[in-house]
Amino acid sequence: MQVTDMTDWDQLYVEGETPWNKGLPSPPMKQWVTHNKPSGNALVPGCGLGHDLLMLVKHEVDALGLDISETAVARARETHPAIADRFVLGDLFATPADWKGSFDYVFEHTCLCALPPEWRGKYEQAVHTLLKPGGLLVGVWYMEPDMEPGESGPPFGISVPELDHLFGAPRWQPVEDYIPTTAFDGRMGRERLRVLRKTA
């Protein structure tokens, strides 16, 4: 899949070209939430059709989902009417001013890997700005996407050294870091769950 402009994402939802949508929440994310029982408020950037968001709400997390695709947000609201007001149409890089420093958690799953690698610094700045001091970035990071020969992404995988560099001291402190024991078909061993605390 070749996508070079963020506006293309809405067209992919219109056309039903959404291989990242598995119809269920991320298994590693669900496992982490079930075990750790987070409380407080959270943001799910690039929430798509809302499977991770719905899972968080069911675990009593006060979560919002953000997506740039008008079609995705409309379908998510239609599919999940009880939490329709939790789906926000918007851009991670242009969030409302009152969101600054307001979230206990940011839950990452397939947002970063959808962005061109040269935008990773912007992503780090955005999530850092949104989190409260001491807030947690809980990420299921796509380390090694299953790509066809010649494909360049998205999804764009990120290596452990790149992850270390992007979320390093003094702004971040690792809290947990492991290869999940559960995954969608085709992703076992290709993802890493790393939790990072905003420290500066």
N, C-alpha and C. Protein backbone atom coordinates (compact mmCIF):
# COMPACT_ATOMS: atom_id res chain seq x y z
N MET A 1 0.85 -1.19 0.00
CA MET A 1 0.00 0.00 0.00
C MET A 1 0.88 1.24 0.00
N GLN A 2 0.59 2.19 -0.85
CA GLN A 2 1.35 3.42 -0.93
C GLN A 2 0.42 4.59 -0.60
N VAL A 3 0.72 5.28 0.48
CA VAL A 3 -0.03 6.47 0.87
C VAL A 3 0.98 7.54 1.21
N THR A 4 0.92 8.66 0.53
CA THR A 4 1.91 9.70 0.75
C THR A 4 1.31 10.97 1.33
N ASP A 5 0.00 11.07 1.44
CA ASP A 5 -0.67 12.26 1.93
C ASP A 5 -1.71 11.82 2.94
N MET A 6 -1.77 12.50 4.08
CA MET A 6 -2.70 12.10 5.13
C MET A 6 -4.15 12.13 4.65
N THR A 7 -4.46 12.97 3.65
CA THR A 7 -5.83 13.04 3.16
C THR A 7 -6.23 11.76 2.44
N ASP A 8 -5.28 10.92 2.07
CA ASP A 8 -5.59 9.66 1.41
C ASP A 8 -6.29 8.67 2.36
N TRP A 9 -6.09 8.84 3.65
CA TRP A 9 -6.65 7.86 4.58
C TRP A 9 -8.17 7.80 4.50
N ASP A 10 -8.80 8.94 4.34
CA ASP A 10 -10.26 8.92 4.25
C ASP A 10 -10.72 8.17 3.01
N GLN A 11 -10.02 8.35 1.90
CA GLN A 11 -10.39 7.64 0.68
C GLN A 11 -10.24 6.14 0.85
N LEU A 12 -9.24 5.71 1.59
CA LEU A 12 -9.07 4.28 1.84
C LEU A 12 -10.24 3.71 2.64
N TYR A 13 -10.74 4.47 3.60
CA TYR A 13 -11.94 4.02 4.33
C TYR A 13 -13.15 3.99 3.41
N VAL A 14 -13.27 4.98 2.55
CA VAL A 14 -14.39 5.01 1.60
C VAL A 14 -14.36 3.77 0.71
N GLU A 15 -13.16 3.39 0.26
CA GLU A 15 -13.00 2.26 -0.65
C GLU A 15 -12.95 0.91 0.08
N GLY A 16 -12.89 0.93 1.39
CA GLY A 16 -12.79 -0.31 2.15
C GLY A 16 -11.42 -0.93 2.11
N GLU A 17 -10.40 -0.16 1.74
CA GLU A 17 -9.03 -0.65 1.68
C GLU A 17 -8.37 -0.41 3.04
N THR A 18 -8.75 -1.23 4.02
CA THR A 18 -8.29 -1.00 5.40
C THR A 18 -7.75 -2.30 6.00
N PRO A 19 -6.63 -2.80 5.52
CA PRO A 19 -6.11 -4.08 6.03
C PRO A 19 -5.69 -4.00 7.49
N TRP A 20 -5.47 -2.80 8.01
CA TRP A 20 -5.10 -2.66 9.42
C TRP A 20 -6.29 -2.86 10.35
N ASN A 21 -7.50 -2.77 9.81
CA ASN A 21 -8.70 -2.93 10.63
C ASN A 21 -9.02 -4.42 10.77
N LYS A 22 -8.81 -4.96 11.96
CA LYS A 22 -9.02 -6.39 12.21
C LYS A 22 -10.38 -6.68 12.85
N GLY A 23 -11.14 -5.64 13.14
CA GLY A 23 -12.46 -5.85 13.72
C GLY A 23 -12.45 -6.12 15.21
N LEU A 24 -11.28 -6.06 15.83
CA LEU A 24 -11.11 -6.35 17.26
C LEU A 24 -10.03 -5.42 17.82
N PRO A 25 -10.00 -5.23 19.14
CA PRO A 25 -8.90 -4.46 19.72
C PRO A 25 -7.58 -5.21 19.60
N SER A 26 -6.50 -4.47 19.66
CA SER A 26 -5.17 -5.06 19.64
C SER A 26 -5.04 -6.07 20.77
N PRO A 27 -4.72 -7.35 20.48
CA PRO A 27 -4.58 -8.33 21.56
C PRO A 27 -3.54 -7.95 22.62
N PRO A 28 -2.35 -7.47 22.24
CA PRO A 28 -1.41 -7.07 23.29
C PRO A 28 -1.92 -5.91 24.14
N MET A 29 -2.60 -4.96 23.49
CA MET A 29 -3.13 -3.83 24.24
C MET A 29 -4.22 -4.29 25.22
N LYS A 30 -5.10 -5.15 24.75
CA LYS A 30 -6.16 -5.66 25.61
C LYS A 30 -5.57 -6.42 26.79
N GLN A 31 -4.55 -7.21 26.53
CA GLN A 31 -3.90 -7.98 27.59
C GLN A 31 -3.28 -7.04 28.63
N TRP A 32 -2.63 -5.98 28.17
CA TRP A 32 -2.01 -5.03 29.09
C TRP A 32 -3.06 -4.32 29.93
N VAL A 33 -4.13 -3.89 29.30
CA VAL A 33 -5.20 -3.17 30.01
C VAL A 33 -5.86 -4.09 31.04
N THR A 34 -6.14 -5.32 30.65
CA THR A 34 -6.77 -6.27 31.56
C THR A 34 -5.89 -6.52 32.79
N HIS A 35 -4.58 -6.60 32.57
CA HIS A 35 -3.66 -6.89 33.67
C HIS A 35 -3.41 -5.67 34.55
N ASN A 36 -3.29 -4.49 33.94
CA ASN A 36 -2.86 -3.30 34.68
C ASN A 36 -4.01 -2.44 35.19
N LYS A 37 -5.20 -2.63 34.62
CA LYS A 37 -6.39 -1.91 35.08
C LYS A 37 -6.14 -0.41 35.21
N PRO A 38 -5.81 0.25 34.11
CA PRO A 38 -5.56 1.69 34.19
C PRO A 38 -6.83 2.46 34.54
N SER A 39 -6.63 3.59 35.20
CA SER A 39 -7.75 4.47 35.50
C SER A 39 -7.35 5.90 35.14
N GLY A 40 -8.31 6.72 34.90
CA GLY A 40 -8.03 8.08 34.46
C GLY A 40 -8.52 8.30 33.06
N ASN A 41 -8.00 9.33 32.41
CA ASN A 41 -8.45 9.62 31.05
C ASN A 41 -7.35 9.31 30.05
N ALA A 42 -7.76 9.07 28.80
CA ALA A 42 -6.83 8.59 27.79
C ALA A 42 -7.23 9.07 26.41
N LEU A 43 -6.24 9.09 25.54
CA LEU A 43 -6.45 9.39 24.13
C LEU A 43 -5.94 8.24 23.29
N VAL A 44 -6.71 7.88 22.26
CA VAL A 44 -6.29 6.88 21.27
C VAL A 44 -6.12 7.60 19.94
N PRO A 45 -4.90 8.00 19.57
CA PRO A 45 -4.71 8.68 18.28
C PRO A 45 -4.81 7.69 17.12
N GLY A 46 -5.40 8.13 16.03
CA GLY A 46 -5.59 7.24 14.89
C GLY A 46 -6.49 6.09 15.25
N CYS A 47 -7.60 6.40 15.92
CA CYS A 47 -8.46 5.34 16.48
C CYS A 47 -9.23 4.55 15.45
N GLY A 48 -9.32 5.04 14.21
CA GLY A 48 -10.03 4.31 13.17
C GLY A 48 -11.47 4.03 13.54
N LEU A 49 -11.87 2.78 13.43
CA LEU A 49 -13.26 2.39 13.70
C LEU A 49 -13.53 2.13 15.18
N GLY A 50 -12.52 2.33 16.02
CA GLY A 50 -12.78 2.42 17.44
C GLY A 50 -12.69 1.15 18.26
N HIS A 51 -12.06 0.11 17.75
CA HIS A 51 -12.02 -1.15 18.50
C HIS A 51 -11.21 -1.02 19.80
N ASP A 52 -10.07 -0.35 19.74
CA ASP A 52 -9.28 -0.15 20.96
C ASP A 52 -10.00 0.79 21.92
N LEU A 53 -10.62 1.82 21.39
CA LEU A 53 -11.36 2.76 22.24
C LEU A 53 -12.49 2.06 22.97
N LEU A 54 -13.26 1.26 22.28
CA LEU A 54 -14.37 0.54 22.91
C LEU A 54 -13.84 -0.37 24.02
N MET A 55 -12.74 -1.05 23.78
CA MET A 55 -12.16 -1.92 24.79
C MET A 55 -11.78 -1.12 26.03
N LEU A 56 -11.18 0.05 25.85
CA LEU A 56 -10.79 0.87 26.99
C LEU A 56 -12.00 1.34 27.79
N VAL A 57 -13.04 1.78 27.09
CA VAL A 57 -14.25 2.23 27.77
C VAL A 57 -14.88 1.09 28.56
N LYS A 58 -14.88 -0.11 28.00
CA LYS A 58 -15.41 -1.27 28.71
C LYS A 58 -14.61 -1.57 29.98
N HIS A 59 -13.34 -1.16 30.00
CA HIS A 59 -12.50 -1.31 31.18
C HIS A 59 -12.52 -0.05 32.04
N GLU A 60 -13.51 0.79 31.82
CA GLU A 60 -13.79 1.97 32.64
C GLU A 60 -12.70 3.03 32.56
N VAL A 61 -12.03 3.09 31.42
CA VAL A 61 -11.10 4.18 31.14
C VAL A 61 -11.88 5.30 30.45
N ASP A 62 -11.68 6.52 30.90
CA ASP A 62 -12.36 7.68 30.32
C ASP A 62 -11.60 8.10 29.05
N ALA A 63 -11.88 7.41 27.95
CA ALA A 63 -11.05 7.54 26.75
C ALA A 63 -11.76 8.28 25.63
N LEU A 64 -10.95 8.99 24.85
CA LEU A 64 -11.37 9.62 23.60
C LEU A 64 -10.58 9.01 22.46
N GLY A 65 -11.21 8.91 21.29
CA GLY A 65 -10.52 8.48 20.08
C GLY A 65 -10.43 9.62 19.10
N LEU A 66 -9.30 9.75 18.46
CA LEU A 66 -9.05 10.83 17.50
C LEU A 66 -8.67 10.23 16.17
N ASP A 67 -9.29 10.71 15.10
CA ASP A 67 -8.91 10.24 13.78
C ASP A 67 -9.10 11.35 12.76
N ILE A 68 -8.24 11.35 11.75
CA ILE A 68 -8.28 12.37 10.71
C ILE A 68 -9.29 12.04 9.61
N SER A 69 -9.76 10.79 9.59
CA SER A 69 -10.68 10.34 8.55
C SER A 69 -12.13 10.60 8.95
N GLU A 70 -12.80 11.44 8.21
CA GLU A 70 -14.21 11.72 8.47
C GLU A 70 -15.05 10.47 8.33
N THR A 71 -14.74 9.64 7.35
CA THR A 71 -15.48 8.39 7.13
C THR A 71 -15.31 7.44 8.29
N ALA A 72 -14.07 7.29 8.78
CA ALA A 72 -13.82 6.40 9.91
C ALA A 72 -14.57 6.85 11.15
N VAL A 73 -14.53 8.14 11.44
CA VAL A 73 -15.21 8.66 12.63
C VAL A 73 -16.72 8.49 12.50
N ALA A 74 -17.26 8.76 11.32
CA ALA A 74 -18.71 8.61 11.12
C ALA A 74 -19.13 7.14 11.31
N ARG A 75 -18.36 6.22 10.77
CA ARG A 75 -18.69 4.80 10.90
C ARG A 75 -18.54 4.33 12.35
N ALA A 76 -17.51 4.83 13.02
CA ALA A 76 -17.31 4.46 14.42
C ALA A 76 -18.48 4.94 15.27
N ARG A 77 -18.94 6.17 15.03
CA ARG A 77 -20.08 6.70 15.79
C ARG A 77 -21.34 5.91 15.50
N GLU A 78 -21.51 5.50 14.26
CA GLU A 78 -22.69 4.73 13.89
C GLU A 78 -22.64 3.33 14.50
N THR A 79 -21.46 2.73 14.51
CA THR A 79 -21.30 1.37 15.02
C THR A 79 -21.40 1.32 16.55
N HIS A 80 -20.93 2.39 17.20
CA HIS A 80 -20.89 2.41 18.67
C HIS A 80 -21.67 3.63 19.18
N PRO A 81 -22.98 3.65 19.00
CA PRO A 81 -23.75 4.85 19.34
C PRO A 81 -23.67 5.23 20.82
N ALA A 82 -23.48 4.27 21.69
CA ALA A 82 -23.43 4.56 23.13
C ALA A 82 -22.21 5.41 23.50
N ILE A 83 -21.17 5.36 22.68
CA ILE A 83 -19.97 6.15 22.96
C ILE A 83 -19.64 7.07 21.78
N ALA A 84 -20.66 7.42 21.00
CA ALA A 84 -20.43 8.21 19.79
C ALA A 84 -19.71 9.53 20.08
N ASP A 85 -20.01 10.12 21.24
CA ASP A 85 -19.40 11.41 21.56
C ASP A 85 -17.93 11.30 21.92
N ARG A 86 -17.43 10.08 22.04
CA ARG A 86 -16.01 9.89 22.36
C ARG A 86 -15.12 9.86 21.11
N PHE A 87 -15.72 9.84 19.93
CA PHE A 87 -14.96 9.85 18.68
C PHE A 87 -14.83 11.29 18.19
N VAL A 88 -13.59 11.73 18.03
CA VAL A 88 -13.31 13.11 17.66
C VAL A 88 -12.63 13.13 16.29
N LEU A 89 -13.19 13.92 15.39
CA LEU A 89 -12.57 14.13 14.08
C LEU A 89 -11.51 15.22 14.23
N GLY A 90 -10.27 14.89 13.92
CA GLY A 90 -9.23 15.90 14.05
C GLY A 90 -7.85 15.36 13.73
N ASP A 91 -6.89 16.25 13.84
CA ASP A 91 -5.50 16.00 13.47
C ASP A 91 -4.64 15.96 14.73
N LEU A 92 -3.89 14.89 14.91
CA LEU A 92 -3.02 14.75 16.07
C LEU A 92 -2.06 15.92 16.19
N PHE A 93 -1.71 16.55 15.07
CA PHE A 93 -0.74 17.63 15.08
C PHE A 93 -1.40 19.00 15.20
N ALA A 94 -2.71 19.02 15.43
CA ALA A 94 -3.44 20.29 15.60
C ALA A 94 -4.60 20.06 16.56
N THR A 95 -4.30 19.59 17.76
CA THR A 95 -5.34 19.27 18.73
C THR A 95 -5.78 20.54 19.47
N PRO A 96 -6.97 20.50 20.08
CA PRO A 96 -7.45 21.69 20.81
C PRO A 96 -6.49 22.12 21.91
N ALA A 97 -6.41 23.42 22.14
CA ALA A 97 -5.47 23.96 23.12
C ALA A 97 -5.71 23.40 24.52
N ASP A 98 -6.99 23.15 24.85
CA ASP A 98 -7.27 22.67 26.20
C ASP A 98 -6.95 21.20 26.41
N TRP A 99 -6.48 20.52 25.37
CA TRP A 99 -6.01 19.14 25.53
C TRP A 99 -4.58 19.08 26.05
N LYS A 100 -3.87 20.19 26.00
CA LYS A 100 -2.46 20.21 26.39
C LYS A 100 -2.30 19.76 27.85
N GLY A 101 -1.46 18.76 28.06
CA GLY A 101 -1.18 18.28 29.40
C GLY A 101 -2.39 17.75 30.14
N SER A 102 -3.35 17.16 29.41
CA SER A 102 -4.62 16.79 30.05
C SER A 102 -4.89 15.29 30.13
N PHE A 103 -4.02 14.46 29.54
CA PHE A 103 -4.30 13.02 29.49
C PHE A 103 -3.36 12.23 30.41
N ASP A 104 -3.95 11.27 31.12
CA ASP A 104 -3.16 10.34 31.92
C ASP A 104 -2.45 9.31 31.05
N TYR A 105 -3.07 8.96 29.92
CA TYR A 105 -2.55 7.94 29.02
C TYR A 105 -2.74 8.36 27.57
N VAL A 106 -1.81 7.96 26.75
CA VAL A 106 -2.01 7.88 25.30
C VAL A 106 -1.78 6.43 24.92
N PHE A 107 -2.75 5.83 24.24
CA PHE A 107 -2.64 4.44 23.80
C PHE A 107 -2.35 4.42 22.30
N GLU A 108 -1.18 3.92 21.97
CA GLU A 108 -0.68 3.89 20.59
C GLU A 108 -0.82 2.49 20.00
N HIS A 109 -1.48 2.44 18.84
CA HIS A 109 -1.57 1.19 18.09
C HIS A 109 -1.84 1.53 16.63
N THR A 110 -0.87 1.39 15.80
CA THR A 110 -0.93 1.60 14.34
C THR A 110 -1.03 3.06 13.92
N CYS A 111 -0.85 4.01 14.83
CA CYS A 111 -0.82 5.41 14.41
C CYS A 111 0.57 5.79 13.92
N LEU A 112 1.58 5.53 14.76
CA LEU A 112 2.94 5.91 14.37
C LEU A 112 3.37 5.22 13.08
N CYS A 113 3.05 3.94 12.94
CA CYS A 113 3.50 3.20 11.76
C CYS A 113 2.80 3.67 10.48
N ALA A 114 1.71 4.43 10.64
CA ALA A 114 1.02 4.97 9.46
C ALA A 114 1.67 6.25 8.96
N LEU A 115 2.52 6.84 9.77
CA LEU A 115 3.13 8.12 9.43
C LEU A 115 4.49 7.92 8.76
N PRO A 116 4.85 8.80 7.83
CA PRO A 116 6.19 8.71 7.25
C PRO A 116 7.24 8.84 8.35
N PRO A 117 8.34 8.11 8.25
CA PRO A 117 9.36 8.16 9.30
C PRO A 117 9.83 9.57 9.63
N GLU A 118 9.84 10.46 8.65
CA GLU A 118 10.32 11.82 8.92
C GLU A 118 9.35 12.61 9.81
N TRP A 119 8.16 12.09 10.06
CA TRP A 119 7.19 12.74 10.94
C TRP A 119 7.26 12.23 12.38
N ARG A 120 8.16 11.32 12.67
CA ARG A 120 8.19 10.71 14.00
C ARG A 120 8.50 11.73 15.09
N GLY A 121 9.36 12.68 14.79
CA GLY A 121 9.64 13.73 15.78
C GLY A 121 8.40 14.55 16.09
N LYS A 122 7.58 14.81 15.08
CA LYS A 122 6.32 15.53 15.30
C LYS A 122 5.37 14.69 16.15
N TYR A 123 5.36 13.40 15.93
CA TYR A 123 4.50 12.51 16.72
C TYR A 123 4.95 12.55 18.18
N GLU A 124 6.24 12.41 18.41
CA GLU A 124 6.76 12.42 19.79
C GLU A 124 6.38 13.72 20.48
N GLN A 125 6.53 14.83 19.79
CA GLN A 125 6.20 16.12 20.38
C GLN A 125 4.71 16.22 20.69
N ALA A 126 3.90 15.70 19.79
CA ALA A 126 2.44 15.77 19.97
C ALA A 126 1.99 14.98 21.20
N VAL A 127 2.43 13.74 21.32
CA VAL A 127 1.97 12.93 22.46
C VAL A 127 2.57 13.43 23.76
N HIS A 128 3.79 13.93 23.72
CA HIS A 128 4.41 14.50 24.91
C HIS A 128 3.60 15.71 25.39
N THR A 129 3.19 16.53 24.47
CA THR A 129 2.40 17.72 24.81
C THR A 129 1.05 17.36 25.41
N LEU A 130 0.44 16.29 24.93
CA LEU A 130 -0.91 15.91 25.37
C LEU A 130 -0.93 15.26 26.75
N LEU A 131 0.15 14.58 27.13
CA LEU A 131 0.19 13.87 28.39
C LEU A 131 0.41 14.81 29.58
N LYS A 132 -0.19 14.44 30.70
CA LYS A 132 0.11 15.11 31.96
C LYS A 132 1.54 14.77 32.37
N PRO A 133 2.16 15.58 33.25
CA PRO A 133 3.44 15.16 33.83
C PRO A 133 3.29 13.81 34.51
N GLY A 134 4.16 12.88 34.17
CA GLY A 134 4.07 11.53 34.72
C GLY A 134 3.11 10.62 33.97
N GLY A 135 2.45 11.14 32.94
CA GLY A 135 1.53 10.33 32.16
C GLY A 135 2.24 9.25 31.37
N LEU A 136 1.47 8.25 30.94
CA LEU A 136 2.04 7.07 30.28
C LEU A 136 1.64 7.00 28.81
N LEU A 137 2.62 6.73 27.98
CA LEU A 137 2.41 6.37 26.58
C LEU A 137 2.51 4.86 26.50
N VAL A 138 1.38 4.22 26.25
CA VAL A 138 1.31 2.75 26.18
C VAL A 138 1.24 2.39 24.70
N GLY A 139 2.31 1.79 24.19
CA GLY A 139 2.39 1.56 22.77
C GLY A 139 2.57 0.11 22.39
N VAL A 140 1.79 -0.33 21.41
CA VAL A 140 2.06 -1.58 20.71
C VAL A 140 2.71 -1.15 19.39
N TRP A 141 4.02 -1.25 19.36
CA TRP A 141 4.82 -0.69 18.26
C TRP A 141 5.07 -1.76 17.22
N TYR A 142 4.83 -1.39 15.97
CA TYR A 142 4.99 -2.34 14.85
C TYR A 142 6.45 -2.30 14.41
N MET A 143 7.19 -3.31 14.84
CA MET A 143 8.63 -3.32 14.61
C MET A 143 9.01 -3.85 13.23
N GLU A 144 8.29 -4.85 12.78
CA GLU A 144 8.68 -5.55 11.56
C GLU A 144 7.43 -5.90 10.75
N PRO A 145 6.88 -4.92 10.01
CA PRO A 145 5.66 -5.19 9.25
C PRO A 145 5.86 -6.30 8.22
N ASP A 146 4.79 -7.02 7.95
CA ASP A 146 4.78 -8.09 6.96
C ASP A 146 4.54 -7.45 5.60
N MET A 147 5.64 -7.15 4.88
CA MET A 147 5.56 -6.41 3.63
C MET A 147 5.83 -7.30 2.43
N GLU A 148 5.23 -6.94 1.32
CA GLU A 148 5.56 -7.58 0.05
C GLU A 148 6.90 -7.05 -0.46
N PRO A 149 7.64 -7.86 -1.23
CA PRO A 149 8.91 -7.37 -1.79
C PRO A 149 8.70 -6.08 -2.57
N GLY A 150 9.52 -5.09 -2.28
CA GLY A 150 9.44 -3.81 -2.96
C GLY A 150 8.54 -2.80 -2.29
N GLU A 151 7.71 -3.23 -1.34
CA GLU A 151 6.84 -2.28 -0.64
C GLU A 151 7.66 -1.46 0.36
N SER A 152 7.29 -0.18 0.48
CA SER A 152 8.03 0.69 1.39
C SER A 152 7.17 1.18 2.55
N GLY A 153 5.88 0.90 2.53
CA GLY A 153 5.00 1.34 3.59
C GLY A 153 4.11 2.49 3.15
N PRO A 154 3.10 2.80 3.94
CA PRO A 154 2.85 2.25 5.27
C PRO A 154 2.33 0.81 5.22
N PRO A 155 2.48 0.08 6.34
CA PRO A 155 3.05 0.51 7.62
C PRO A 155 4.56 0.64 7.57
N PHE A 156 5.07 1.60 8.35
CA PHE A 156 6.50 1.82 8.46
C PHE A 156 6.97 1.26 9.79
N GLY A 157 7.77 0.22 9.75
CA GLY A 157 8.28 -0.37 10.98
C GLY A 157 9.28 0.54 11.66
N ILE A 158 9.45 0.33 12.96
CA ILE A 158 10.43 1.09 13.72
C ILE A 158 11.30 0.10 14.50
N SER A 159 12.60 0.31 14.48
CA SER A 159 13.53 -0.59 15.17
C SER A 159 13.64 -0.22 16.64
N VAL A 160 14.20 -1.14 17.43
CA VAL A 160 14.42 -0.85 18.85
C VAL A 160 15.34 0.36 19.03
N PRO A 161 16.47 0.46 18.32
CA PRO A 161 17.30 1.66 18.47
C PRO A 161 16.56 2.95 18.09
N GLU A 162 15.72 2.88 17.06
CA GLU A 162 14.94 4.07 16.68
C GLU A 162 13.94 4.43 17.76
N LEU A 163 13.32 3.43 18.35
CA LEU A 163 12.37 3.67 19.43
C LEU A 163 13.09 4.27 20.64
N ASP A 164 14.28 3.72 20.95
CA ASP A 164 15.08 4.25 22.06
C ASP A 164 15.42 5.72 21.84
N HIS A 165 15.80 6.05 20.61
CA HIS A 165 16.21 7.42 20.29
C HIS A 165 15.02 8.37 20.33
N LEU A 166 13.89 7.93 19.79
CA LEU A 166 12.72 8.80 19.69
C LEU A 166 12.14 9.12 21.07
N PHE A 167 12.14 8.12 21.95
CA PHE A 167 11.55 8.29 23.28
C PHE A 167 12.63 8.10 24.35
N GLY A 168 13.62 8.96 24.31
CA GLY A 168 14.75 8.84 25.23
C GLY A 168 14.69 9.85 26.36
N ALA A 169 15.67 9.72 27.27
CA ALA A 169 15.83 10.67 28.37
C ALA A 169 16.25 12.03 27.79
N PRO A 170 15.91 13.14 28.46
CA PRO A 170 15.25 13.21 29.77
C PRO A 170 13.72 13.28 29.69
N ARG A 171 13.17 13.22 28.47
CA ARG A 171 11.73 13.43 28.33
C ARG A 171 10.91 12.18 28.66
N TRP A 172 11.54 10.99 28.54
CA TRP A 172 10.80 9.74 28.70
C TRP A 172 11.61 8.75 29.53
N GLN A 173 10.89 7.93 30.26
CA GLN A 173 11.50 6.84 31.02
C GLN A 173 10.75 5.54 30.71
N PRO A 174 11.44 4.49 30.26
CA PRO A 174 10.76 3.21 30.02
C PRO A 174 10.20 2.63 31.32
N VAL A 175 8.99 2.10 31.24
CA VAL A 175 8.34 1.48 32.39
C VAL A 175 8.22 -0.03 32.17
N GLU A 176 7.81 -0.42 30.98
CA GLU A 176 7.73 -1.83 30.59
C GLU A 176 8.19 -1.95 29.15
N ASP A 177 8.75 -3.10 28.81
CA ASP A 177 9.23 -3.32 27.45
C ASP A 177 9.35 -4.82 27.20
N TYR A 178 8.53 -5.34 26.29
CA TYR A 178 8.58 -6.78 26.02
C TYR A 178 7.92 -7.09 24.69
N ILE A 179 8.23 -8.26 24.18
CA ILE A 179 7.56 -8.78 22.98
C ILE A 179 6.29 -9.49 23.43
N PRO A 180 5.13 -9.07 22.97
CA PRO A 180 3.88 -9.67 23.44
C PRO A 180 3.78 -11.16 23.09
N THR A 181 3.04 -11.86 23.92
CA THR A 181 2.81 -13.29 23.70
C THR A 181 1.48 -13.53 23.01
N THR A 182 0.79 -12.47 22.62
CA THR A 182 -0.46 -12.57 21.89
C THR A 182 -0.46 -11.53 20.80
N ALA A 183 -1.10 -11.82 19.68
CA ALA A 183 -1.07 -10.91 18.53
C ALA A 183 -2.12 -11.33 17.52
N PHE A 184 -2.44 -10.42 16.61
CA PHE A 184 -3.24 -10.77 15.45
C PHE A 184 -2.45 -11.76 14.59
N ASP A 185 -3.15 -12.52 13.76
CA ASP A 185 -2.49 -13.42 12.82
C ASP A 185 -1.48 -12.65 11.98
N GLY A 186 -0.29 -13.20 11.87
CA GLY A 186 0.75 -12.59 11.05
C GLY A 186 1.59 -11.56 11.78
N ARG A 187 1.23 -11.22 13.03
CA ARG A 187 1.98 -10.19 13.75
C ARG A 187 2.78 -10.74 14.93
N MET A 188 2.65 -12.01 15.22
CA MET A 188 3.38 -12.56 16.36
C MET A 188 4.88 -12.36 16.17
N GLY A 189 5.52 -11.77 17.15
CA GLY A 189 6.95 -11.49 17.08
C GLY A 189 7.32 -10.26 16.31
N ARG A 190 6.34 -9.61 15.69
CA ARG A 190 6.60 -8.42 14.88
C ARG A 190 6.28 -7.12 15.62
N GLU A 191 5.71 -7.26 16.82
CA GLU A 191 5.33 -6.09 17.61
C GLU A 191 6.11 -6.07 18.92
N ARG A 192 6.14 -4.90 19.53
CA ARG A 192 6.76 -4.74 20.85
C ARG A 192 5.85 -3.86 21.69
N LEU A 193 5.61 -4.28 22.91
CA LEU A 193 4.84 -3.44 23.81
C LEU A 193 5.82 -2.71 24.72
N ARG A 194 5.84 -1.40 24.58
CA ARG A 194 6.70 -0.57 25.42
C ARG A 194 5.85 0.54 26.02
N VAL A 195 5.95 0.68 27.33
CA VAL A 195 5.26 1.73 28.07
C VAL A 195 6.30 2.75 28.49
N LEU A 196 6.00 4.02 28.24
CA LEU A 196 6.94 5.10 28.54
C LEU A 196 6.26 6.16 29.40
N ARG A 197 6.99 6.64 30.39
CA ARG A 197 6.47 7.68 31.27
C ARG A 197 7.05 9.04 30.86
N LYS A 198 6.19 10.04 30.77
CA LYS A 198 6.65 11.41 30.51
C LYS A 198 7.32 11.94 31.77
N THR A 199 8.60 12.28 31.65
CA THR A 199 9.37 12.67 32.83
C THR A 199 9.86 14.11 32.79
N ALA A 200 9.80 14.77 31.66
CA ALA A 200 10.26 16.16 31.58
C ALA A 200 9.53 16.87 30.46
